[in-house]
Amino acid sequence: KEHFEKELMKELGCDASKKTFLDLKHWCWVRPHARGFLRSQFKICPRDGRLGCAVVDALPEEHRARATVFVSWTWSYTVAEVLSALRAW
């Protein structure tokens, strides 16, 4: 969780805690010259072999594993809200 927060701050160049996931969508994928989160726009997807992969595929190996739970969230949640819920869980 802390890794995600640090990577966001590095990507955005500011405190990302008050940003919503809609803000992140614009920054990472919609704006001109968007690179995706962790440069996911430039990585090959391991499932379809095409350019552009999911965020999970862009994470370093040590931060990936088989999913064991599903986290429900909405685009209007702030990064701080999601991280707080994950820390409490």
Protein backbone atom coordinates (compact mmCIF):
# COMPACT_ATOMS: atom_id res chain seq x y z
CA LYS A 1 0.00 0.00 0.00
CA GLU A 2 2.80 2.40 0.83
CA HIS A 3 4.53 1.47 -2.42
CA PHE A 4 1.42 2.48 -4.39
CA GLU A 5 1.25 5.83 -2.59
CA LYS A 6 4.94 6.56 -3.25
CA GLU A 7 4.64 5.63 -6.92
CA LEU A 8 1.62 7.92 -7.31
CA MET A 9 3.45 10.82 -5.74
CA LYS A 10 6.40 10.20 -8.06
CA GLU A 11 4.14 9.95 -11.14
CA LEU A 12 2.04 13.03 -10.32
CA GLY A 13 4.72 15.14 -8.68
CA CYS A 14 2.33 16.06 -5.86
CA ASP A 15 0.44 14.63 -2.89
CA ALA A 16 -1.97 12.21 -4.51
CA SER A 17 -4.04 11.50 -1.38
CA LYS A 18 -6.76 14.00 -2.28
CA LYS A 19 -6.92 12.96 -5.93
CA THR A 20 -9.81 10.79 -7.06
CA PHE A 21 -9.37 7.85 -9.38
CA LEU A 22 -11.08 10.00 -12.04
CA ASP A 23 -8.18 12.46 -11.66
CA LEU A 24 -5.73 9.59 -12.00
CA LYS A 25 -7.52 8.35 -15.12
CA HIS A 26 -6.95 11.70 -16.80
CA TRP A 27 -3.34 11.97 -15.65
CA CYS A 28 -2.29 8.41 -16.46
CA TRP A 29 -4.35 7.50 -19.53
CA VAL A 30 -6.32 10.37 -21.14
CA ARG A 31 -4.12 13.48 -21.34
CA PRO A 32 -1.80 13.96 -24.32
CA HIS A 33 1.44 11.99 -23.90
CA ALA A 34 -0.01 9.94 -21.03
CA ARG A 35 2.32 7.10 -20.06
CA GLY A 36 -0.10 5.00 -18.05
CA PHE A 37 0.58 4.16 -14.44
CA LEU A 38 4.15 2.82 -14.15
CA ARG A 39 4.45 3.28 -17.94
CA SER A 40 1.79 0.62 -18.54
CA GLN A 41 0.94 2.25 -21.89
CA PHE A 42 4.35 1.13 -23.23
CA LYS A 43 4.40 -2.43 -21.91
CA ILE A 44 3.17 -5.50 -23.75
CA CYS A 45 0.09 -7.18 -22.27
CA PRO A 46 0.95 -10.77 -21.31
CA ARG A 47 -2.58 -11.94 -22.21
CA ASP A 48 -3.16 -10.50 -25.68
CA GLY A 49 0.40 -9.59 -26.72
CA ARG A 50 -0.64 -6.03 -27.61
CA LEU A 51 0.85 -2.73 -26.49
CA GLY A 52 -0.66 -1.40 -23.24
CA CYS A 53 -1.10 -3.55 -20.17
CA ALA A 54 -3.11 -3.55 -16.96
CA VAL A 55 -1.66 -1.77 -13.93
CA VAL A 56 -1.10 -5.11 -12.20
CA ASP A 57 1.12 -6.22 -15.11
CA ALA A 58 3.22 -3.07 -14.73
CA LEU A 59 3.93 -3.69 -11.04
CA PRO A 60 7.29 -5.18 -10.02
CA GLU A 61 7.16 -8.98 -9.51
CA GLU A 62 7.45 -8.68 -5.72
CA HIS A 63 4.18 -6.70 -5.61
CA ARG A 64 2.15 -9.17 -7.69
CA ALA A 65 0.35 -12.33 -6.63
CA ARG A 66 -2.80 -14.28 -7.33
CA ALA A 67 -5.84 -12.34 -6.15
CA THR A 68 -7.52 -13.76 -3.06
CA VAL A 69 -10.06 -10.98 -2.40
CA PHE A 70 -12.04 -8.48 -4.47
CA VAL A 71 -11.96 -4.81 -3.50
CA SER A 72 -15.01 -2.84 -4.57
CA TRP A 73 -14.44 0.87 -5.22
CA THR A 74 -15.64 3.71 -7.47
CA TRP A 75 -13.83 6.22 -9.64
CA SER A 76 -14.97 9.06 -7.33
CA TYR A 77 -13.16 7.72 -4.25
CA THR A 78 -9.99 9.52 -3.29
CA VAL A 79 -6.70 7.69 -3.05
CA ALA A 80 -6.72 8.43 0.71
CA GLU A 81 -10.13 6.77 1.15
CA VAL A 82 -9.09 3.59 -0.64
CA LEU A 83 -5.74 3.34 1.15
CA SER A 84 -7.41 3.97 4.53
CA ALA A 85 -9.91 1.15 3.91
CA LEU A 86 -7.10 -1.21 2.84
CA ARG A 87 -5.04 -0.36 5.92
CA ALA A 88 -8.06 -0.96 8.20
CA TRP A 89 -8.74 -4.31 6.56
